[in-house]
Amino acid sequence: MSQVLQGIGVGTGSASGPVARMAPPPALPAPRPVTDTEADVSALRRALTSLVAELEHRAARASDGPAADVLFAHVQMASDPALAEQAVEAIHRGTDPAHALSATFGGFRARLLAAGGYFAERAPDLDDLCGRAVAHLLGLPMPGLPDPGHPYILVADDLAPADTAVLDPASVLALVTVRGGPTSHTAILAKALGLPAVVGCSPAAALDDGRNVLVHDGTVHVDPSPETVAEADRRERRRRGLAATVQGPGRTADGHPVSLLVNLGAPHELPRAAATEAEGVGLFRTEFLYLDRSEPPGPDEQTAAYRRVFDAFPGRRVVVRTLDAGADKPLPFSTATDEENPALGVRGLRTAARDPGLLDTQLAAIADAAHGSDADVWVMAPMVSLPSEAADFAARARSHRLAVTGAMVEVPAAALHAERLAQVCDFLSIGTNDLAQYTFAADRTLGALAELLDPWQPALLDLVAVTAHAGSASGRPVGVCGEAASDPELALVLVGLGVRSLSMAPACLPEVRAVLAGHHLRQCQEMANAARGAPDAATARAEVRRRMN
């Protein structure tokens, strides 16, 4: 009987094949005394120069996409004068170059971990940079992707952008990582490439090269039986076949309309998002304009960026989320440095109380970009807790000639008072990632808390149901733009709860559209009731699967 390893399922579909593990980083040699300081400093600087050249080459090969963006950021990290100078200072204090690099990268890593959230998830990237720098220094083989000469299931402690930039989807059948969470780089990459993936799977550390595994639905089956693989293959062929045949607007089998939209968060994502058969953008994240700069972007720069998006979606809806700064996206011009718990601090719409001009400038730029555009532009505020906050935002947006205004439901208080929010807004959008985090008091970036963060948790579904019912009672549409919307099975539940739009990564659209088209609204409602009545997330999913066609 095969062993089944549990993790966090991301990406789509299933795949089976032999394991191939990532090459490990080079081991540090035993410490040695520094006898020639000048030579050791020169060797260290050459190693960092070689690292930067390697990263630039990989970034150029990546051309575009998430990996390229992060690689260019890594180029900036590796070429940071502060990093080199700290390592050189360590040599002057008597530390050999290899250990000087390790200590310096370790210090930078500790600061990322201390920052928490998104930054803590980037700490493994620094581990990768350190390993590569040491390999350049010592003339050792570079850690990275295996090349067994046949398609394989890639197993790694974690994946760094320097590796994924040159990953070939024709060779890599699926991804399995020991570490990582639902927002890790591996998860982002898997969804972008449409690969099956399991992250946060600690038992995978014991998998050997050549071991046959089946990656499916958040699990890794070790030495699966031929029957298990055949059944998974059958389901995968059926999934792809259905996704390829169903087209047009989202709707259930009996014609109940469900708007299917895409999430958009960076300029490089725009061409693919616009080319999909989506009814628009359900979540346009605007943080990319504000990150990695000391001053906010001016109105002209913002207007131009928004207009490019609006022009790409003529006749389609574009829902713009205003700046969601704070927590894991601190900005030097708007985020306080003395918050001990930034996830519960001044973030999202709350920053407008500290700097009203920041929000007004953005709203004016959105309105200017929308003027003369054929896109149907909506705007919504993140991190809304009180009806009065939603009312104030709606009034400010309308004063800037933005007619359709909404609020995100990301905290339990907003869900519980959704009916009051709906009275002052035109629509509501549920962010399931943050809503799960705040409902279960669980950091959404921690793989160890995956069970609590599972969007199938009945308590979370109850809050979605409360919000959807409030919207229906008030005649206001309610959508979901969190990761839950990309799960085809959970999409049935969400529609059964009363959700009217689903926004997701473009690669997930075809399967969600196909699954909805195969089920009647009454079936969706029955599945929703069964999921809400389950004692836990696993049972909720099992109950829905039992009822699916």
Protein backbone atom coordinates (compact mmCIF):
# COMPACT_ATOMS: atom_id res chain seq x y z
CA MET A 1 0.00 0.00 0.00
CA SER A 2 1.42 3.38 -0.99
CA GLN A 3 2.32 6.00 1.59
CA VAL A 4 0.46 9.32 1.34
CA LEU A 5 2.27 12.51 2.34
CA GLN A 6 0.18 15.56 3.22
CA GLY A 7 0.96 19.16 2.27
CA ILE A 8 -0.72 22.26 0.86
CA GLY A 9 -2.10 21.79 -2.62
CA VAL A 10 -1.50 24.62 -5.09
CA GLY A 11 -1.57 24.75 -8.87
CA THR A 12 -3.96 22.57 -10.84
CA GLY A 13 -4.37 18.93 -11.83
CA SER A 14 -2.27 15.88 -11.02
CA ALA A 15 0.90 14.22 -12.31
CA SER A 16 2.96 11.11 -11.65
CA GLY A 17 6.57 10.22 -12.32
CA PRO A 18 10.00 9.67 -10.78
CA VAL A 19 11.44 12.04 -8.19
CA ALA A 20 14.44 14.22 -9.02
CA ARG A 21 15.80 16.32 -6.18
CA MET A 22 17.36 19.76 -6.33
CA ALA A 23 21.15 19.83 -6.03
CA PRO A 24 22.00 20.93 -2.47
CA PRO A 25 23.93 24.12 -1.68
CA PRO A 26 27.68 23.67 -1.13
CA ALA A 27 28.81 22.77 2.37
CA LEU A 28 30.95 25.35 4.12
CA PRO A 29 34.56 24.24 4.66
CA ALA A 30 36.13 24.28 8.11
CA PRO A 31 37.00 27.82 9.23
CA ARG A 32 40.55 28.90 8.44
CA PRO A 33 42.66 31.84 9.54
CA VAL A 34 42.95 34.89 7.31
CA THR A 35 46.59 35.13 6.27
CA ASP A 36 46.25 37.37 3.21
CA THR A 37 43.48 39.89 3.79
CA GLU A 38 43.82 41.57 0.41
CA ALA A 39 43.60 38.28 -1.50
CA ASP A 40 40.59 37.12 0.50
CA VAL A 41 38.78 40.42 -0.03
CA SER A 42 39.47 40.22 -3.78
CA ALA A 43 38.19 36.64 -3.91
CA LEU A 44 35.00 37.63 -2.09
CA ARG A 45 34.33 40.56 -4.40
CA ARG A 46 34.91 38.36 -7.47
CA ALA A 47 32.43 35.83 -6.13
CA LEU A 48 29.76 38.49 -5.67
CA THR A 49 30.47 39.92 -9.13
CA SER A 50 30.10 36.44 -10.64
CA LEU A 51 26.86 35.95 -8.71
CA VAL A 52 25.42 39.20 -10.07
CA ALA A 53 26.41 38.23 -13.63
CA GLU A 54 24.76 34.81 -13.22
CA LEU A 55 21.55 36.34 -11.91
CA GLU A 56 21.44 38.91 -14.72
CA HIS A 57 21.85 36.09 -17.25
CA ARG A 58 19.04 34.08 -15.68
CA ALA A 59 16.81 37.15 -15.51
CA ALA A 60 17.39 37.75 -19.21
CA ARG A 61 16.49 34.11 -19.96
CA ALA A 62 13.33 34.44 -17.88
CA SER A 63 12.39 37.40 -20.13
CA ASP A 64 9.15 38.21 -18.35
CA GLY A 65 6.92 37.00 -15.57
CA PRO A 66 7.11 36.51 -11.79
CA ALA A 67 10.52 34.79 -11.82
CA ALA A 68 12.09 37.59 -13.86
CA ASP A 69 10.73 40.26 -11.52
CA VAL A 70 12.17 38.54 -8.46
CA LEU A 71 15.48 37.81 -10.20
CA PHE A 72 15.98 41.46 -11.01
CA ALA A 73 15.30 42.20 -7.34
CA HIS A 74 17.94 39.59 -6.45
CA VAL A 75 20.41 41.32 -8.72
CA GLN A 76 19.88 44.44 -6.64
CA MET A 77 20.35 42.46 -3.41
CA ALA A 78 23.56 40.78 -4.55
CA SER A 79 25.00 44.05 -5.86
CA ASP A 80 24.06 46.00 -2.72
CA PRO A 81 27.26 47.73 -1.53
CA ALA A 82 26.19 47.23 2.08
CA LEU A 83 26.28 43.45 1.66
CA ALA A 84 29.79 43.48 0.20
CA GLU A 85 31.09 45.91 2.78
CA GLN A 86 29.72 43.91 5.72
CA ALA A 87 31.35 40.75 4.36
CA VAL A 88 34.65 42.60 3.81
CA GLU A 89 34.51 43.90 7.37
CA ALA A 90 34.10 40.34 8.58
CA ILE A 91 37.28 39.35 6.72
CA HIS A 92 39.15 42.23 8.34
CA ARG A 93 38.00 40.87 11.70
CA GLY A 94 39.59 37.50 10.89
CA THR A 95 36.73 35.55 9.26
CA ASP A 96 37.57 33.64 6.07
CA PRO A 97 35.61 34.62 2.91
CA ALA A 98 33.21 31.64 2.85
CA HIS A 99 32.14 32.13 6.45
CA ALA A 100 32.07 35.91 5.98
CA LEU A 101 29.54 35.46 3.15
CA SER A 102 27.51 33.02 5.22
CA ALA A 103 27.39 35.33 8.23
CA THR A 104 26.50 38.39 6.16
CA PHE A 105 23.70 36.70 4.22
CA GLY A 106 22.54 35.21 7.51
CA GLY A 107 22.22 38.69 9.02
CA PHE A 108 20.12 39.89 6.09
CA ARG A 109 18.01 36.73 6.37
CA ALA A 110 17.36 37.33 10.07
CA ARG A 111 16.05 40.81 9.32
CA LEU A 112 13.60 39.42 6.76
CA LEU A 113 12.36 36.83 9.23
CA ALA A 114 11.91 39.51 11.87
CA ALA A 115 9.81 41.56 9.44
CA GLY A 116 7.42 38.61 9.08
CA GLY A 117 4.74 38.00 6.46
CA TYR A 118 5.78 38.31 2.83
CA PHE A 119 9.32 39.26 3.81
CA ALA A 120 9.76 36.14 5.95
CA GLU A 121 8.75 34.04 2.94
CA ARG A 122 11.56 35.65 0.95
CA ALA A 123 14.19 34.45 3.46
CA PRO A 124 14.82 31.20 1.52
CA ASP A 125 15.74 33.35 -1.48
CA LEU A 126 18.68 34.68 0.51
CA ASP A 127 19.70 31.11 1.37
CA ASP A 128 19.87 30.45 -2.36
CA LEU A 129 21.92 33.59 -3.01
CA CYS A 130 24.35 32.63 -0.27
CA GLY A 131 24.78 29.11 -1.63
CA ARG A 132 25.48 30.43 -5.10
CA ALA A 133 27.95 33.03 -3.83
CA VAL A 134 29.85 30.37 -1.86
CA ALA A 135 29.88 28.07 -4.90
CA HIS A 136 31.38 30.87 -7.01
CA LEU A 137 33.94 31.57 -4.28
CA LEU A 138 35.08 27.97 -3.86
CA GLY A 139 34.72 26.87 -7.49
CA LEU A 140 32.13 24.21 -6.57
CA PRO A 141 29.14 22.94 -8.61
CA MET A 142 26.23 25.34 -8.57
CA PRO A 143 23.09 24.27 -6.70
CA GLY A 144 20.03 24.11 -8.90
CA LEU A 145 17.69 22.10 -11.08
CA PRO A 146 18.46 18.45 -11.85
CA ASP A 147 18.73 17.13 -15.42
CA PRO A 148 18.00 13.39 -15.33
CA GLY A 149 17.24 13.24 -19.06
CA HIS A 150 13.52 12.45 -18.66
CA PRO A 151 10.38 14.16 -17.25
CA TYR A 152 10.31 14.18 -13.47
CA ILE A 153 8.62 15.37 -10.29
CA LEU A 154 10.84 18.11 -8.84
CA VAL A 155 11.34 17.79 -5.09
CA ALA A 156 13.17 20.51 -3.17
CA ASP A 157 13.47 22.02 0.26
CA ASP A 158 12.20 25.19 -1.39
CA LEU A 159 12.51 26.78 -4.81
CA ALA A 160 14.30 30.03 -5.52
CA PRO A 161 13.56 32.33 -8.45
CA ALA A 162 17.07 31.75 -9.82
CA ASP A 163 16.07 28.13 -10.41
CA THR A 164 12.49 28.59 -11.50
CA ALA A 165 13.52 31.17 -14.09
CA VAL A 166 15.00 28.34 -16.18
CA LEU A 167 12.45 25.66 -15.26
CA ASP A 168 11.13 23.79 -18.30
CA PRO A 169 7.45 22.79 -17.89
CA ALA A 170 7.99 20.10 -20.54
CA SER A 171 10.43 18.34 -18.20
CA VAL A 172 9.02 19.20 -14.78
CA LEU A 173 5.71 17.40 -14.30
CA ALA A 174 4.93 18.73 -10.81
CA LEU A 175 6.52 20.56 -7.88
CA VAL A 176 6.89 19.37 -4.28
CA THR A 177 8.60 21.46 -1.62
CA VAL A 178 9.33 20.71 2.01
CA ARG A 179 8.84 24.32 3.02
CA GLY A 180 6.70 27.17 1.72
CA GLY A 181 3.12 28.27 2.13
CA PRO A 182 0.15 29.13 -0.08
CA THR A 183 1.69 32.51 -0.97
CA SER A 184 5.26 31.27 -1.49
CA HIS A 185 7.14 31.74 -4.75
CA THR A 186 6.57 28.07 -5.61
CA ALA A 187 2.82 28.48 -5.23
CA ILE A 188 2.81 31.56 -7.44
CA LEU A 189 4.89 29.81 -10.09
CA ALA A 190 2.75 26.65 -10.06
CA LYS A 191 -0.41 28.64 -10.74
CA ALA A 192 1.27 30.70 -13.45
CA LEU A 193 2.50 27.56 -15.26
CA GLY A 194 -0.57 25.44 -14.53
CA LEU A 195 1.54 22.78 -12.79
CA PRO A 196 0.34 20.50 -9.99
CA ALA A 197 2.21 21.34 -6.79
CA VAL A 198 2.33 20.54 -3.10
CA VAL A 199 4.13 22.94 -0.75
CA GLY A 200 4.80 22.73 2.99
CA CYS A 201 5.17 18.94 2.73
CA SER A 202 7.81 18.20 5.37
CA PRO A 203 7.83 14.37 4.90
CA ALA A 204 8.98 14.93 1.30
CA ALA A 205 12.46 15.58 2.70
CA ALA A 206 12.90 11.77 2.86
CA LEU A 207 12.05 11.13 -0.81
CA ASP A 208 14.94 9.73 -2.86
CA ASP A 209 15.80 10.27 -6.52
CA GLY A 210 13.96 7.88 -8.81
CA ARG A 211 11.14 7.11 -6.36
CA ASN A 212 7.79 7.04 -8.15
CA VAL A 213 5.20 9.45 -6.78
CA LEU A 214 1.78 10.80 -7.67
CA VAL A 215 1.11 14.48 -6.92
CA HIS A 216 -2.58 15.15 -6.52
CA ASP A 217 -4.83 17.43 -4.50
CA GLY A 218 -2.37 18.46 -1.79
CA THR A 219 -0.97 14.94 -1.38
CA VAL A 220 2.08 13.02 -2.57
CA HIS A 221 1.42 9.29 -3.04
CA VAL A 222 4.70 7.36 -2.71
CA ASP A 223 4.96 4.22 -4.87
CA PRO A 224 1.33 4.49 -6.01
CA SER A 225 -0.34 1.41 -7.46
CA PRO A 226 -0.92 1.27 -11.23
CA GLU A 227 -4.65 1.47 -10.53
CA THR A 228 -4.23 4.68 -8.49
CA VAL A 229 -2.14 6.29 -11.22
CA ALA A 230 -4.58 5.18 -13.92
CA GLU A 231 -7.52 6.68 -12.02
CA ALA A 232 -5.63 9.96 -11.51
CA ASP A 233 -4.73 10.03 -15.22
CA ARG A 234 -8.35 9.41 -16.16
CA ARG A 235 -9.52 12.28 -13.97
CA GLU A 236 -6.80 14.54 -15.38
CA ARG A 237 -7.77 13.80 -19.00
CA ARG A 238 -11.42 14.38 -18.17
CA ARG A 239 -10.56 17.66 -16.42
CA ARG A 240 -8.55 18.95 -19.38
CA GLY A 241 -11.13 17.79 -21.89
CA LEU A 242 -13.98 19.54 -20.12
CA ALA A 243 -11.96 22.73 -19.64
CA ALA A 244 -11.17 22.84 -23.36
CA THR A 245 -14.76 22.40 -24.53
CA VAL A 246 -16.67 24.84 -22.32
CA GLN A 247 -16.47 28.48 -23.38
CA GLY A 248 -18.36 31.72 -22.96
CA PRO A 249 -19.53 33.57 -19.85
CA GLY A 250 -19.59 31.69 -16.57
CA ARG A 251 -22.87 30.02 -15.73
CA THR A 252 -24.23 26.90 -14.13
CA ALA A 253 -25.88 24.09 -16.09
CA ASP A 254 -29.30 25.70 -15.62
CA GLY A 255 -28.11 29.12 -16.76
CA HIS A 256 -27.43 30.87 -13.44
CA PRO A 257 -24.80 33.54 -14.29
CA VAL A 258 -21.49 33.65 -12.43
CA SER A 259 -19.01 36.31 -13.54
CA LEU A 260 -15.55 34.76 -14.05
CA LEU A 261 -12.79 37.33 -13.68
CA VAL A 262 -8.99 37.41 -13.42
CA ASN A 263 -6.65 38.77 -10.76
CA LEU A 264 -4.00 41.22 -11.93
CA GLY A 265 -1.07 42.49 -9.89
CA ALA A 266 1.84 43.49 -12.16
CA PRO A 267 2.36 44.94 -15.66
CA HIS A 268 3.84 41.73 -17.07
CA GLU A 269 0.60 39.88 -16.25
CA LEU A 270 -1.52 42.19 -18.39
CA PRO A 271 -1.16 40.60 -21.88
CA ARG A 272 -2.08 37.11 -20.71
CA ALA A 273 -4.91 38.35 -18.50
CA ALA A 274 -6.41 40.44 -21.30
CA ALA A 275 -6.21 37.52 -23.74
CA THR A 276 -8.26 35.19 -21.53
CA GLU A 277 -11.96 34.64 -22.02
CA ALA A 278 -12.66 36.44 -18.75
CA GLU A 279 -15.41 38.94 -18.14
CA GLY A 280 -12.90 41.39 -16.71
CA VAL A 281 -10.60 41.92 -13.76
CA GLY A 282 -12.02 41.13 -10.34
CA LEU A 283 -8.95 42.27 -8.44
CA PHE A 284 -6.48 44.81 -9.82
CA ARG A 285 -3.79 45.11 -7.15
CA THR A 286 -2.11 48.51 -7.37
CA GLU A 287 0.77 47.98 -4.91
CA PHE A 288 3.29 47.39 -7.73
CA LEU A 289 3.29 51.14 -8.34
CA TYR A 290 4.30 51.91 -4.75
CA LEU A 291 6.74 49.19 -3.73
CA ASP A 292 10.54 49.63 -3.66
CA ARG A 293 10.45 53.42 -3.68
CA SER A 294 10.90 56.14 -1.08
CA GLU A 295 8.14 58.42 -2.38
CA PRO A 296 4.66 57.61 -3.71
CA PRO A 297 4.13 57.70 -7.48
CA GLY A 298 2.80 60.96 -8.86
CA PRO A 299 -0.66 61.33 -10.39
CA ASP A 300 0.59 61.25 -13.99
CA GLU A 301 2.49 57.99 -13.49
CA GLN A 302 -0.49 56.41 -11.80
CA THR A 303 -2.94 57.57 -14.45
CA ALA A 304 -0.79 56.14 -17.24
CA ALA A 305 -0.48 52.77 -15.48
CA TYR A 306 -4.22 52.49 -14.83
CA ARG A 307 -5.11 53.56 -18.36
CA ARG A 308 -2.97 50.74 -19.83
CA VAL A 309 -5.05 48.25 -17.89
CA PHE A 310 -8.40 49.87 -18.71
CA ASP A 311 -7.53 50.04 -22.41
CA ALA A 312 -6.77 46.30 -22.39
CA PHE A 313 -10.29 45.48 -21.17
CA PRO A 314 -12.72 47.50 -23.33
CA GLY A 315 -16.32 46.66 -22.54
CA ARG A 316 -15.25 44.57 -19.55
CA ARG A 317 -15.24 45.20 -15.82
CA VAL A 318 -12.04 46.25 -14.01
CA VAL A 319 -12.23 46.31 -10.20
CA VAL A 320 -9.40 48.42 -8.81
CA ARG A 321 -8.32 47.84 -5.24
CA THR A 322 -6.84 50.97 -3.74
CA LEU A 323 -3.44 50.78 -2.06
CA ASP A 324 -3.17 47.93 0.45
CA ALA A 325 -0.04 49.08 2.28
CA GLY A 326 1.17 47.95 5.67
CA ALA A 327 1.56 44.46 7.20
CA ASP A 328 3.63 42.45 4.68
CA LYS A 329 3.87 45.42 2.27
CA PRO A 330 5.39 48.24 4.35
CA LEU A 331 6.08 51.51 2.57
CA PRO A 332 8.54 54.07 3.95
CA PHE A 333 6.19 56.96 3.16
CA SER A 334 3.05 55.51 4.77
CA THR A 335 3.91 52.72 7.23
CA ALA A 336 4.76 53.33 10.86
CA THR A 337 7.99 51.69 11.99
CA ASP A 338 6.95 51.22 15.61
CA GLU A 339 4.08 48.75 15.12
CA GLU A 340 4.76 45.54 17.02
CA ASN A 341 2.11 43.60 15.09
CA PRO A 342 1.73 45.18 11.64
CA ALA A 343 -0.81 42.59 10.45
CA LEU A 344 -3.18 44.11 13.02
CA GLY A 345 -1.95 47.65 12.54
CA VAL A 346 -2.47 50.56 10.18
CA ARG A 347 -2.86 48.84 6.81
CA GLY A 348 -5.20 49.03 3.83
CA LEU A 349 -7.83 51.75 4.08
CA ARG A 350 -6.58 52.64 7.56
CA THR A 351 -3.57 54.39 6.00
CA ALA A 352 -5.96 57.02 4.63
CA ALA A 353 -6.52 58.30 8.16
CA ARG A 354 -2.80 58.91 8.50
CA ASP A 355 -2.28 60.30 5.00
CA PRO A 356 -5.56 61.29 3.30
CA GLY A 357 -3.69 62.72 0.33
CA LEU A 358 -2.34 59.30 -0.59
CA LEU A 359 -5.84 57.93 -1.18
CA ASP A 360 -7.20 61.09 -2.83
CA THR A 361 -4.30 61.18 -5.30
CA GLN A 362 -4.92 57.57 -6.24
CA LEU A 363 -8.69 58.01 -6.63
CA ALA A 364 -8.16 61.06 -8.82
CA ALA A 365 -5.68 59.13 -11.00
CA ILE A 366 -8.10 56.20 -11.36
CA ALA A 367 -10.88 58.60 -12.34
CA ASP A 368 -8.68 60.37 -14.88
CA ALA A 369 -7.66 57.04 -16.42
CA ALA A 370 -11.27 55.86 -16.52
CA HIS A 371 -12.43 59.04 -18.27
CA GLY A 372 -12.89 58.22 -21.94
CA SER A 373 -12.13 54.54 -21.39
CA ASP A 374 -14.52 51.82 -22.56
CA ALA A 375 -13.79 49.71 -19.48
CA ASP A 376 -16.39 49.43 -16.73
CA VAL A 377 -14.27 50.72 -13.83
CA TRP A 378 -15.17 49.83 -10.25
CA VAL A 379 -13.09 50.74 -7.19
CA MET A 380 -12.90 49.11 -3.76
CA ALA A 381 -11.14 49.65 -0.46
CA PRO A 382 -9.11 46.98 1.35
CA MET A 383 -9.18 46.18 5.07
CA VAL A 384 -12.58 47.67 5.85
CA SER A 385 -13.83 46.93 9.38
CA LEU A 386 -16.69 49.37 10.00
CA PRO A 387 -19.68 50.53 7.94
CA SER A 388 -18.61 54.12 8.62
CA GLU A 389 -15.25 53.42 6.94
CA ALA A 390 -17.02 52.02 3.90
CA ALA A 391 -19.37 55.01 3.76
CA ASP A 392 -16.50 57.48 3.97
CA PHE A 393 -14.59 55.67 1.22
CA ALA A 394 -17.65 55.57 -1.04
CA ALA A 395 -18.23 59.29 -0.58
CA ARG A 396 -14.61 60.13 -1.36
CA ALA A 397 -14.57 57.90 -4.44
CA ARG A 398 -17.79 59.40 -5.76
CA SER A 399 -16.40 62.89 -5.21
CA HIS A 400 -13.72 61.89 -7.73
CA ARG A 401 -16.36 60.84 -10.29
CA LEU A 402 -16.04 57.10 -9.58
CA ALA A 403 -19.61 55.85 -9.63
CA VAL A 404 -19.26 52.20 -8.53
CA THR A 405 -17.65 51.75 -5.13
CA GLY A 406 -17.18 48.72 -2.92
CA ALA A 407 -15.54 47.30 0.18
CA MET A 408 -13.44 44.22 0.71
CA VAL A 409 -14.58 41.78 3.37
CA GLU A 410 -11.35 40.55 4.95
CA VAL A 411 -12.06 40.67 8.67
CA PRO A 412 -14.85 38.95 10.62
CA ALA A 413 -16.32 42.29 11.74
CA ALA A 414 -16.97 43.24 8.12
CA ALA A 415 -18.61 39.89 7.39
CA LEU A 416 -20.80 40.01 10.47
CA HIS A 417 -22.02 43.51 9.56
CA ALA A 418 -22.01 42.92 5.80
CA GLU A 419 -25.62 44.05 5.50
CA ARG A 420 -24.68 47.46 6.88
CA LEU A 421 -21.69 47.63 4.54
CA ALA A 422 -23.93 46.77 1.60
CA GLN A 423 -26.22 49.69 2.44
CA VAL A 424 -23.42 52.19 1.78
CA CYS A 425 -21.58 50.36 -1.05
CA ASP A 426 -22.43 49.14 -4.53
CA PHE A 427 -20.72 45.75 -4.13
CA LEU A 428 -18.68 43.61 -1.73
CA SER A 429 -15.61 41.50 -2.49
CA ILE A 430 -14.43 38.76 -0.12
CA GLY A 431 -10.68 38.29 0.29
CA THR A 432 -10.58 34.73 1.61
CA ASN A 433 -6.83 34.74 2.32
CA ASP A 434 -6.98 37.51 4.90
CA LEU A 435 -10.43 36.52 6.11
CA ALA A 436 -9.08 33.07 7.01
CA GLN A 437 -6.04 34.61 8.68
CA TYR A 438 -8.09 36.90 10.91
CA THR A 439 -10.86 34.39 11.58
CA PHE A 440 -8.50 31.68 12.81
CA ALA A 441 -5.74 33.93 14.24
CA ALA A 442 -3.27 32.16 11.97
CA ASP A 443 -0.47 33.79 9.95
CA ARG A 444 -1.38 32.94 6.36
CA THR A 445 2.29 32.60 5.35
CA LEU A 446 3.00 29.72 7.74
CA GLY A 447 2.81 26.27 6.22
CA ALA A 448 2.52 24.80 9.72
CA LEU A 449 -0.94 26.38 10.01
CA ALA A 450 -2.20 25.12 6.67
CA GLU A 451 -5.13 23.27 8.21
CA LEU A 452 -6.48 26.45 9.81
CA LEU A 453 -5.95 28.43 6.63
CA ASP A 454 -7.76 25.92 4.44
CA PRO A 455 -10.56 27.82 2.64
CA TRP A 456 -12.77 24.75 3.10
CA GLN A 457 -13.01 25.44 6.83
CA PRO A 458 -16.74 25.49 7.66
CA ALA A 459 -16.39 28.56 9.89
CA LEU A 460 -14.91 30.50 6.99
CA LEU A 461 -17.70 29.31 4.71
CA ASP A 462 -20.22 30.53 7.29
CA LEU A 463 -18.76 34.05 7.03
CA VAL A 464 -18.91 33.87 3.24
CA ALA A 465 -22.55 32.80 3.51
CA VAL A 466 -23.40 35.68 5.87
CA THR A 467 -21.79 38.16 3.48
CA ALA A 468 -23.45 36.71 0.37
CA HIS A 469 -26.87 36.70 2.06
CA ALA A 470 -26.42 40.34 3.10
CA GLY A 471 -25.55 41.29 -0.46
CA SER A 472 -28.55 39.45 -1.85
CA ALA A 473 -30.90 41.06 0.67
CA SER A 474 -29.58 44.50 -0.27
CA GLY A 475 -29.43 43.90 -4.01
CA ARG A 476 -25.63 44.20 -4.00
CA PRO A 477 -23.38 41.70 -5.82
CA VAL A 478 -20.84 39.79 -3.72
CA GLY A 479 -17.70 38.29 -5.23
CA VAL A 480 -14.68 36.30 -4.05
CA CYS A 481 -11.19 37.31 -5.14
CA GLY A 482 -9.09 35.16 -2.79
CA GLU A 483 -7.36 31.88 -3.58
CA ALA A 484 -10.59 30.02 -2.82
CA ALA A 485 -12.08 31.19 -6.12
CA SER A 486 -9.48 29.23 -8.13
CA ASP A 487 -10.50 25.86 -6.65
CA PRO A 488 -13.09 24.38 -9.07
CA GLU A 489 -14.77 22.26 -6.40
CA LEU A 490 -14.91 25.09 -3.90
CA ALA A 491 -16.24 27.37 -6.64
CA LEU A 492 -19.40 25.23 -6.65
CA VAL A 493 -19.77 25.80 -2.92
CA LEU A 494 -19.21 29.54 -3.20
CA VAL A 495 -21.85 29.84 -5.90
CA GLY A 496 -24.19 27.78 -3.74
CA LEU A 497 -23.59 30.22 -0.89
CA GLY A 498 -24.75 33.11 -3.10
CA VAL A 499 -21.44 34.46 -4.47
CA ARG A 500 -22.01 36.03 -7.89
CA SER A 501 -18.45 36.48 -9.19
CA LEU A 502 -15.15 34.61 -8.87
CA SER A 503 -11.75 36.15 -9.61
CA MET A 504 -8.63 34.02 -10.01
CA ALA A 505 -5.33 33.42 -11.84
CA PRO A 506 -5.92 33.20 -15.62
CA ALA A 507 -4.71 29.58 -15.78
CA CYS A 508 -7.51 28.50 -13.42
CA LEU A 509 -10.40 29.97 -15.44
CA PRO A 510 -11.10 27.12 -17.91
CA GLU A 511 -11.53 24.44 -15.26
CA VAL A 512 -13.70 26.59 -13.00
CA ARG A 513 -15.88 27.51 -15.98
CA ALA A 514 -16.24 23.85 -16.97
CA VAL A 515 -17.11 22.62 -13.48
CA LEU A 516 -19.78 25.28 -13.05
CA ALA A 517 -21.29 24.41 -16.42
CA GLY A 518 -21.66 20.80 -15.30
CA HIS A 519 -23.78 21.49 -12.21
CA HIS A 520 -27.15 23.09 -11.51
CA LEU A 521 -27.57 25.89 -8.99
CA ARG A 522 -29.63 23.60 -6.74
CA GLN A 523 -26.73 21.12 -6.65
CA CYS A 524 -24.36 23.95 -5.71
CA GLN A 525 -26.66 24.96 -2.88
CA GLU A 526 -26.85 21.38 -1.61
CA MET A 527 -23.05 21.13 -1.68
CA ALA A 528 -22.75 24.43 0.17
CA ASN A 529 -25.06 23.21 2.91
CA ALA A 530 -23.12 19.97 3.22
CA ALA A 531 -19.79 21.79 3.44
CA ARG A 532 -21.04 24.22 6.09
CA GLY A 533 -22.40 21.32 8.14
CA ALA A 534 -19.15 19.37 8.10
CA PRO A 535 -16.99 19.20 11.25
CA ASP A 536 -13.76 20.15 9.47
CA ALA A 537 -12.25 21.20 6.15
CA ALA A 538 -11.31 17.70 4.99
CA THR A 539 -14.82 16.39 5.59
CA ALA A 540 -16.33 19.42 3.86
CA ARG A 541 -14.31 18.72 0.71
CA ALA A 542 -15.12 15.00 0.85
CA GLU A 543 -18.85 15.69 1.19
CA VAL A 544 -18.81 17.96 -1.85
CA ARG A 545 -16.87 15.46 -3.95
CA ARG A 546 -19.36 12.78 -3.06
CA ARG A 547 -22.15 14.95 -4.50
CA MET A 548 -20.35 16.04 -7.69
CA ASN A 549 -21.32 14.66 -11.09
